[in-house]
Amino acid sequence: MVKLGLVGLGEVAQLIHLPILQRLTEMFTLAGAYDPSPSVAQSISTRWSIERVFDSVDAMIASPDIDAILIMSPDQYHGRHARAALKADKHVLIEKPCCLTMEDLAALSGVVEQTDRIAMVGYMRRFAPAFLEAKRRLPAFADITYVRVRDVICEGPWYFRQTDTVVTPKDDIPASLIEESRQLRGTMMDSVLGPNAPAELQTAYSVLTGLSSHSLSAMRDLLGSPKRVIAAEIKQGGSQITALFDYGHFTAIYECMIGDVVRFEAGFEINSRYNRLAFEYPTPYIRNLPMVLDIQNSTDHDNSLTRLGPFHQDPFDVELRAFHAAVTQGGENRTPPSESMADLDLFAAIISAARKTD
């Protein structure tokens, strides 16, 4: 049994992780939690029977009653909280992105190398059963002719307002902490984009490290990193990103758009000469929606379409089970922090290519 401490009890904790953890009681105990809002911490800990509310991250990390930390704090704190937990001999599962800057990530990776604790990044799309089945059936790299990756979505609130209620702070987060968080994120954004970067670029980088990180990390899992970013465009104030990736004998196309039309089109299409794999992810804010994997095979005289699924097991469920297996049984850790360095490199290359087209 892994005694789990939660850092951050916001939207992702309330709508995604806690409902799943409540079903995994044979694996995890909700041993503690911290949130900068005392009202949120008290409300959520009561609702989900979390054993103890801590008054600081440091206090929870230092507790002998905690084995592992699930980090769901604001992105700019991920590296800091993960390093502190690892130094205290805690395992960590870090919600994506692992870190916002290469410097922060390098510091974290250095700590990981000095410990035997598990550090895993929460790229849950890479744990989806349909994705794993697609990976097993992927054509040989030399045979791939075309790849398209899409993230064209409406944000989560449109969905979860119909199914659940998110507890929000009652103006009880200390002003000093809000200012510290703002300044820390600003410093990190300046480090990546340069001082006084246009708001459009800052928004685009937030999209890349947020929504896009799921798909681009999954793309690397399937195909490896591209040789280069051929071109990129950032439009709509940073909420629309289009990029072309050079994979040698084929180009991968990435389309991202966050808008107000209600849809969730997030998925992959991978073609070889005679075959096609395609799958789409549903919104993560509604539990256990189905995924399918379409496999098309064509010849000069015939064509067939096979649909595998529906797969109803939640990717977050698979991810948490994988974390538990890594901690308790030495299971494979497919998403360590060091692996995220390629993601930050790719985000930087997209930003650089977009700047060249301005």
Foldseek 3Di string as FASTA:
>chain_A
DAEEEEEACFDCNVQPVLVLVLVVVVQYALAEYEDLFPVSRVVVCVVSVRPYYDDDLLVVLQDPSHAAYEYPPPQLCLLVSLLSNVVSNHAYEYEFPNHLDPVSLVVSVVSVVVGPHHYAYPLLVCQAPLLVVCLVVPDDLVQWAEKEWEWEAEDDVVPCVVPDDIDDHPPRRDPVVVVVVVVSVQVSCCVQQNPPDDQLLVLLSVCLRPVVVSGVLSVCVRRNAAPAWPAKAADPSNQWIWTWGHNDNYIYIYTGHHDDDHDTFGWMWIDGPFKIWIKGDDDSSDAQDFIKIWIWGDDPVDIDIDIDDRDRDRSVSSVVVQSSCCRPPVHDRPGHSVSCVSSSVRSSRNSVRNVVVD
